[in-house]
Amino acid sequence: QVRLVESGGGLVQPGGSLRLSCAASGSIFSIYVMSWYRQAPGKQRELIASITSGGITNYVDSVKGRFTISRDNAKNTVYLQMNTLKPEDTAVYYCKYAGGPWGQGTQVTVSS
């Protein structure tokens, strides 16, 4: 089973940007859909972005136009570029594929 390790989180001011990375322990070439989730304090984990092996993307309305998901199959890595960050984006961010394990996540805090 391919394991995933998220990185790139941190503290950023409102309006700032971060780029999250999700490094896989093996090939993601055959994994059809890779996704990013997030879990804010006191809230349920939510799916925010997905990308197919063919590059088709989908976003939850709250991040549409601000976040961009991408994947580099050669590097076995999935990315989440986050722009125009808002305090409500504060959460632990996870990447995932169907049937795969949850990683430890990476904390994103948006605050002045």
N, C-alpha and C. Protein backbone atom coordinates (compact mmCIF):
# COMPACT_ATOMS: atom_id res chain seq x y z
N GLN A 1 0.84 -1.18 0.00
CA GLN A 1 0.00 0.00 0.00
C GLN A 1 0.89 1.25 0.00
N VAL A 2 0.57 2.19 -0.87
CA VAL A 2 1.36 3.41 -0.98
C VAL A 2 1.03 4.33 0.18
N ARG A 3 2.07 4.77 0.88
CA ARG A 3 1.87 5.72 1.99
C ARG A 3 2.17 7.13 1.50
N LEU A 4 1.51 8.09 2.15
CA LEU A 4 1.62 9.48 1.73
C LEU A 4 2.11 10.33 2.89
N VAL A 5 2.98 11.28 2.60
CA VAL A 5 3.51 12.19 3.62
C VAL A 5 3.30 13.62 3.15
N GLU A 6 2.52 14.37 3.92
CA GLU A 6 2.22 15.75 3.60
C GLU A 6 3.26 16.69 4.22
N SER A 7 3.53 17.79 3.53
CA SER A 7 4.46 18.80 4.05
C SER A 7 4.13 20.15 3.42
N GLY A 8 4.75 21.20 3.96
CA GLY A 8 4.59 22.53 3.39
C GLY A 8 3.69 23.46 4.16
N GLY A 9 3.07 22.96 5.22
CA GLY A 9 2.20 23.82 6.00
C GLY A 9 2.99 24.83 6.82
N GLY A 10 2.25 25.71 7.47
CA GLY A 10 2.88 26.71 8.31
C GLY A 10 1.93 27.82 8.68
N LEU A 11 2.51 28.89 9.22
CA LEU A 11 1.75 30.07 9.60
C LEU A 11 1.89 31.11 8.49
N VAL A 12 0.77 31.62 8.04
CA VAL A 12 0.78 32.61 6.97
C VAL A 12 -0.27 33.67 7.26
N GLN A 13 0.00 34.89 6.82
CA GLN A 13 -0.97 35.97 7.03
C GLN A 13 -2.12 35.87 6.03
N PRO A 14 -3.27 36.40 6.38
CA PRO A 14 -4.38 36.44 5.42
C PRO A 14 -3.95 37.09 4.10
N GLY A 15 -4.36 36.48 3.01
CA GLY A 15 -3.96 36.95 1.69
C GLY A 15 -2.69 36.31 1.17
N GLY A 16 -2.00 35.57 2.02
CA GLY A 16 -0.76 34.93 1.63
C GLY A 16 -0.97 33.62 0.89
N SER A 17 0.15 32.98 0.58
CA SER A 17 0.13 31.74 -0.19
C SER A 17 0.99 30.67 0.47
N LEU A 18 0.62 29.43 0.22
CA LEU A 18 1.41 28.27 0.62
C LEU A 18 1.28 27.22 -0.46
N ARG A 19 2.31 26.39 -0.56
CA ARG A 19 2.24 25.25 -1.46
C ARG A 19 2.48 23.98 -0.65
N LEU A 20 1.47 23.14 -0.62
CA LEU A 20 1.58 21.87 0.08
C LEU A 20 2.06 20.79 -0.88
N SER A 21 2.82 19.85 -0.34
CA SER A 21 3.28 18.70 -1.11
C SER A 21 2.83 17.41 -0.44
N CYS A 22 2.59 16.41 -1.25
CA CYS A 22 2.21 15.09 -0.76
C CYS A 22 3.11 14.09 -1.47
N ALA A 23 4.08 13.58 -0.75
CA ALA A 23 5.04 12.64 -1.33
C ALA A 23 4.60 11.21 -1.07
N ALA A 24 4.57 10.43 -2.13
CA ALA A 24 4.14 9.03 -2.03
C ALA A 24 5.35 8.10 -1.89
N SER A 25 5.15 7.01 -1.16
CA SER A 25 6.23 6.04 -0.94
C SER A 25 6.44 5.14 -2.15
N GLY A 26 5.49 5.21 -3.10
CA GLY A 26 5.59 4.41 -4.31
C GLY A 26 4.94 5.13 -5.47
N SER A 27 4.77 4.44 -6.55
CA SER A 27 4.22 5.06 -7.75
C SER A 27 2.75 5.43 -7.58
N ILE A 28 2.41 6.64 -8.03
CA ILE A 28 1.01 7.05 -8.04
C ILE A 28 0.45 7.02 -9.46
N PHE A 29 1.25 6.52 -10.39
CA PHE A 29 0.85 6.54 -11.79
C PHE A 29 -0.49 5.85 -12.01
N SER A 30 -0.70 4.74 -11.31
CA SER A 30 -1.91 3.96 -11.52
C SER A 30 -3.05 4.35 -10.59
N ILE A 31 -2.82 5.31 -9.72
CA ILE A 31 -3.88 5.76 -8.81
C ILE A 31 -4.72 6.79 -9.55
N TYR A 32 -5.98 6.44 -9.79
CA TYR A 32 -6.82 7.26 -10.66
C TYR A 32 -7.08 8.65 -10.08
N VAL A 33 -7.49 8.70 -8.83
CA VAL A 33 -7.84 9.98 -8.23
C VAL A 33 -7.01 10.22 -6.97
N MET A 34 -6.36 11.36 -6.92
CA MET A 34 -5.67 11.81 -5.71
C MET A 34 -6.42 13.03 -5.19
N SER A 35 -6.54 13.12 -3.89
CA SER A 35 -7.36 14.18 -3.30
C SER A 35 -6.67 14.85 -2.12
N TRP A 36 -7.07 16.07 -1.87
CA TRP A 36 -6.71 16.79 -0.65
C TRP A 36 -7.95 16.97 0.20
N TYR A 37 -7.79 16.74 1.50
CA TYR A 37 -8.82 16.96 2.49
C TYR A 37 -8.28 17.95 3.52
N ARG A 38 -9.18 18.50 4.31
CA ARG A 38 -8.76 19.29 5.45
C ARG A 38 -9.72 19.11 6.60
N GLN A 39 -9.19 19.33 7.81
CA GLN A 39 -10.03 19.25 9.00
C GLN A 39 -9.70 20.44 9.89
N ALA A 40 -10.68 21.30 10.03
CA ALA A 40 -10.55 22.47 10.89
C ALA A 40 -10.92 22.09 12.31
N PRO A 41 -10.44 22.85 13.30
CA PRO A 41 -10.75 22.54 14.70
C PRO A 41 -12.26 22.46 14.93
N GLY A 42 -12.71 21.37 15.53
CA GLY A 42 -14.11 21.21 15.86
C GLY A 42 -15.01 20.88 14.69
N LYS A 43 -14.41 20.63 13.52
CA LYS A 43 -15.22 20.33 12.33
C LYS A 43 -14.85 18.98 11.75
N GLN A 44 -15.73 18.47 10.90
CA GLN A 44 -15.46 17.20 10.23
C GLN A 44 -14.45 17.40 9.11
N ARG A 45 -13.74 16.33 8.80
CA ARG A 45 -12.82 16.36 7.68
C ARG A 45 -13.61 16.52 6.39
N GLU A 46 -13.14 17.39 5.49
CA GLU A 46 -13.85 17.63 4.25
C GLU A 46 -12.92 17.48 3.05
N LEU A 47 -13.49 16.99 1.97
CA LEU A 47 -12.79 16.88 0.70
C LEU A 47 -12.78 18.25 0.05
N ILE A 48 -11.60 18.74 -0.36
CA ILE A 48 -11.55 20.08 -0.94
C ILE A 48 -11.07 20.10 -2.38
N ALA A 49 -10.31 19.11 -2.80
CA ALA A 49 -9.81 19.12 -4.18
C ALA A 49 -9.42 17.71 -4.60
N SER A 50 -9.65 17.40 -5.88
CA SER A 50 -9.28 16.10 -6.43
C SER A 50 -8.71 16.28 -7.81
N ILE A 51 -7.87 15.32 -8.21
CA ILE A 51 -7.33 15.32 -9.56
C ILE A 51 -7.22 13.89 -10.05
N THR A 52 -7.66 13.67 -11.29
CA THR A 52 -7.57 12.34 -11.88
C THR A 52 -6.19 12.16 -12.53
N SER A 53 -5.92 10.94 -12.93
CA SER A 53 -4.66 10.66 -13.60
C SER A 53 -4.56 11.40 -14.93
N GLY A 54 -5.71 11.77 -15.48
CA GLY A 54 -5.72 12.53 -16.72
C GLY A 54 -5.69 14.03 -16.53
N GLY A 55 -5.65 14.46 -15.27
CA GLY A 55 -5.54 15.88 -14.99
C GLY A 55 -6.84 16.62 -14.81
N ILE A 56 -7.94 15.91 -14.74
CA ILE A 56 -9.23 16.55 -14.49
C ILE A 56 -9.32 16.89 -13.01
N THR A 57 -9.65 18.14 -12.72
CA THR A 57 -9.67 18.61 -11.33
C THR A 57 -11.08 18.96 -10.89
N ASN A 58 -11.28 18.93 -9.59
CA ASN A 58 -12.56 19.29 -9.00
C ASN A 58 -12.28 19.93 -7.66
N TYR A 59 -13.07 20.97 -7.31
CA TYR A 59 -12.84 21.71 -6.08
C TYR A 59 -14.15 21.96 -5.36
N VAL A 60 -14.07 22.04 -4.05
CA VAL A 60 -15.21 22.50 -3.27
C VAL A 60 -15.33 24.01 -3.50
N ASP A 61 -16.55 24.51 -3.42
CA ASP A 61 -16.80 25.92 -3.76
C ASP A 61 -15.95 26.88 -2.92
N SER A 62 -15.70 26.54 -1.68
CA SER A 62 -15.00 27.46 -0.78
C SER A 62 -13.55 27.72 -1.18
N VAL A 63 -12.96 26.86 -2.01
CA VAL A 63 -11.56 27.06 -2.40
C VAL A 63 -11.43 27.31 -3.90
N LYS A 64 -12.52 27.18 -4.63
CA LYS A 64 -12.48 27.32 -6.08
C LYS A 64 -11.96 28.71 -6.46
N GLY A 65 -11.00 28.74 -7.38
CA GLY A 65 -10.42 30.01 -7.81
C GLY A 65 -9.24 30.46 -6.96
N ARG A 66 -9.04 29.82 -5.82
CA ARG A 66 -7.92 30.19 -4.94
C ARG A 66 -6.89 29.06 -4.83
N PHE A 67 -7.36 27.82 -4.86
CA PHE A 67 -6.49 26.65 -4.70
C PHE A 67 -6.34 25.94 -6.04
N THR A 68 -5.16 25.35 -6.26
CA THR A 68 -4.91 24.57 -7.46
C THR A 68 -4.23 23.26 -7.08
N ILE A 69 -4.86 22.15 -7.47
CA ILE A 69 -4.28 20.84 -7.24
C ILE A 69 -3.55 20.39 -8.50
N SER A 70 -2.42 19.74 -8.31
CA SER A 70 -1.67 19.22 -9.44
C SER A 70 -0.95 17.94 -9.00
N ARG A 71 -0.50 17.19 -9.98
CA ARG A 71 0.22 15.96 -9.67
C ARG A 71 1.38 15.78 -10.63
N ASP A 72 2.46 15.26 -10.12
CA ASP A 72 3.64 14.94 -10.92
C ASP A 72 3.89 13.45 -10.74
N ASN A 73 3.41 12.65 -11.68
CA ASN A 73 3.53 11.20 -11.55
C ASN A 73 4.99 10.75 -11.58
N ALA A 74 5.84 11.48 -12.27
CA ALA A 74 7.25 11.12 -12.33
C ALA A 74 7.93 11.26 -10.98
N LYS A 75 7.46 12.23 -10.20
CA LYS A 75 8.02 12.48 -8.87
C LYS A 75 7.17 11.86 -7.77
N ASN A 76 6.08 11.20 -8.17
CA ASN A 76 5.17 10.58 -7.18
C ASN A 76 4.73 11.58 -6.12
N THR A 77 4.34 12.75 -6.58
CA THR A 77 3.99 13.84 -5.67
C THR A 77 2.74 14.55 -6.16
N VAL A 78 1.92 14.92 -5.20
CA VAL A 78 0.73 15.72 -5.47
C VAL A 78 0.91 17.05 -4.74
N TYR A 79 0.47 18.11 -5.36
CA TYR A 79 0.63 19.45 -4.79
C TYR A 79 -0.71 20.13 -4.59
N LEU A 80 -0.72 21.08 -3.67
CA LEU A 80 -1.87 21.96 -3.50
C LEU A 80 -1.33 23.38 -3.34
N GLN A 81 -1.49 24.18 -4.39
CA GLN A 81 -1.11 25.59 -4.34
C GLN A 81 -2.28 26.36 -3.77
N MET A 82 -2.05 27.07 -2.68
CA MET A 82 -3.10 27.80 -1.99
C MET A 82 -2.78 29.28 -2.01
N ASN A 83 -3.62 30.06 -2.65
CA ASN A 83 -3.45 31.51 -2.75
C ASN A 83 -4.60 32.22 -2.05
N THR A 84 -4.38 33.49 -1.78
CA THR A 84 -5.40 34.33 -1.14
C THR A 84 -5.99 33.63 0.08
N LEU A 85 -5.13 33.17 0.94
CA LEU A 85 -5.57 32.39 2.10
C LEU A 85 -6.37 33.25 3.06
N LYS A 86 -7.34 32.60 3.69
CA LYS A 86 -8.24 33.24 4.65
C LYS A 86 -8.12 32.54 6.00
N PRO A 87 -8.48 33.22 7.07
CA PRO A 87 -8.44 32.57 8.38
C PRO A 87 -9.24 31.27 8.43
N GLU A 88 -10.34 31.22 7.67
CA GLU A 88 -11.16 30.01 7.68
C GLU A 88 -10.52 28.84 6.93
N ASP A 89 -9.38 29.07 6.31
CA ASP A 89 -8.61 27.98 5.70
C ASP A 89 -7.74 27.26 6.73
N THR A 90 -7.68 27.79 7.93
CA THR A 90 -6.89 27.15 8.98
C THR A 90 -7.41 25.74 9.25
N ALA A 91 -6.51 24.77 9.14
CA ALA A 91 -6.90 23.37 9.27
C ALA A 91 -5.65 22.50 9.15
N VAL A 92 -5.83 21.22 9.44
CA VAL A 92 -4.82 20.22 9.09
C VAL A 92 -5.20 19.68 7.72
N TYR A 93 -4.24 19.67 6.82
CA TYR A 93 -4.47 19.25 5.44
C TYR A 93 -3.87 17.87 5.20
N TYR A 94 -4.66 17.02 4.53
CA TYR A 94 -4.26 15.65 4.26
C TYR A 94 -4.42 15.35 2.77
N CYS A 95 -3.55 14.50 2.24
CA CYS A 95 -3.80 13.96 0.92
C CYS A 95 -4.19 12.50 1.07
N LYS A 96 -4.88 11.98 0.06
CA LYS A 96 -5.50 10.66 0.20
C LYS A 96 -5.86 10.13 -1.17
N TYR A 97 -5.90 8.81 -1.27
CA TYR A 97 -6.50 8.16 -2.42
C TYR A 97 -7.44 7.10 -1.88
N ALA A 98 -8.40 6.70 -2.70
CA ALA A 98 -9.43 5.76 -2.27
C ALA A 98 -8.79 4.46 -1.79
N GLY A 99 -9.12 4.08 -0.57
CA GLY A 99 -8.61 2.84 -0.01
C GLY A 99 -7.24 2.95 0.62
N GLY A 100 -6.65 4.12 0.50
CA GLY A 100 -5.32 4.32 1.07
C GLY A 100 -5.37 4.81 2.50
N PRO A 101 -4.23 4.79 3.18
CA PRO A 101 -4.21 5.22 4.58
C PRO A 101 -4.15 6.74 4.71
N TRP A 102 -4.60 7.24 5.84
CA TRP A 102 -4.42 8.65 6.15
C TRP A 102 -2.99 8.88 6.60
N GLY A 103 -2.43 10.02 6.18
CA GLY A 103 -1.12 10.41 6.67
C GLY A 103 -1.27 11.24 7.94
N GLN A 104 -0.16 11.86 8.33
CA GLN A 104 -0.20 12.66 9.56
C GLN A 104 -0.73 14.06 9.31
N GLY A 105 -0.79 14.46 8.06
CA GLY A 105 -1.29 15.78 7.73
C GLY A 105 -0.25 16.87 7.95
N THR A 106 -0.59 18.06 7.48
CA THR A 106 0.29 19.22 7.69
C THR A 106 -0.60 20.40 8.11
N GLN A 107 -0.18 21.09 9.16
CA GLN A 107 -0.98 22.17 9.74
C GLN A 107 -0.80 23.46 8.94
N VAL A 108 -1.93 24.06 8.60
CA VAL A 108 -1.94 25.38 7.97
C VAL A 108 -2.69 26.33 8.90
N THR A 109 -2.03 27.40 9.27
CA THR A 109 -2.65 28.40 10.13
C THR A 109 -2.59 29.75 9.43
N VAL A 110 -3.76 30.34 9.23
CA VAL A 110 -3.85 31.64 8.58
C VAL A 110 -4.28 32.66 9.63
N SER A 111 -3.35 33.54 9.98
CA SER A 111 -3.62 34.49 11.05
C SER A 111 -2.66 35.66 10.93
N SER A 112 -3.16 36.83 11.35
CA SER A 112 -2.31 38.01 11.38
C SER A 112 -1.67 38.17 12.76
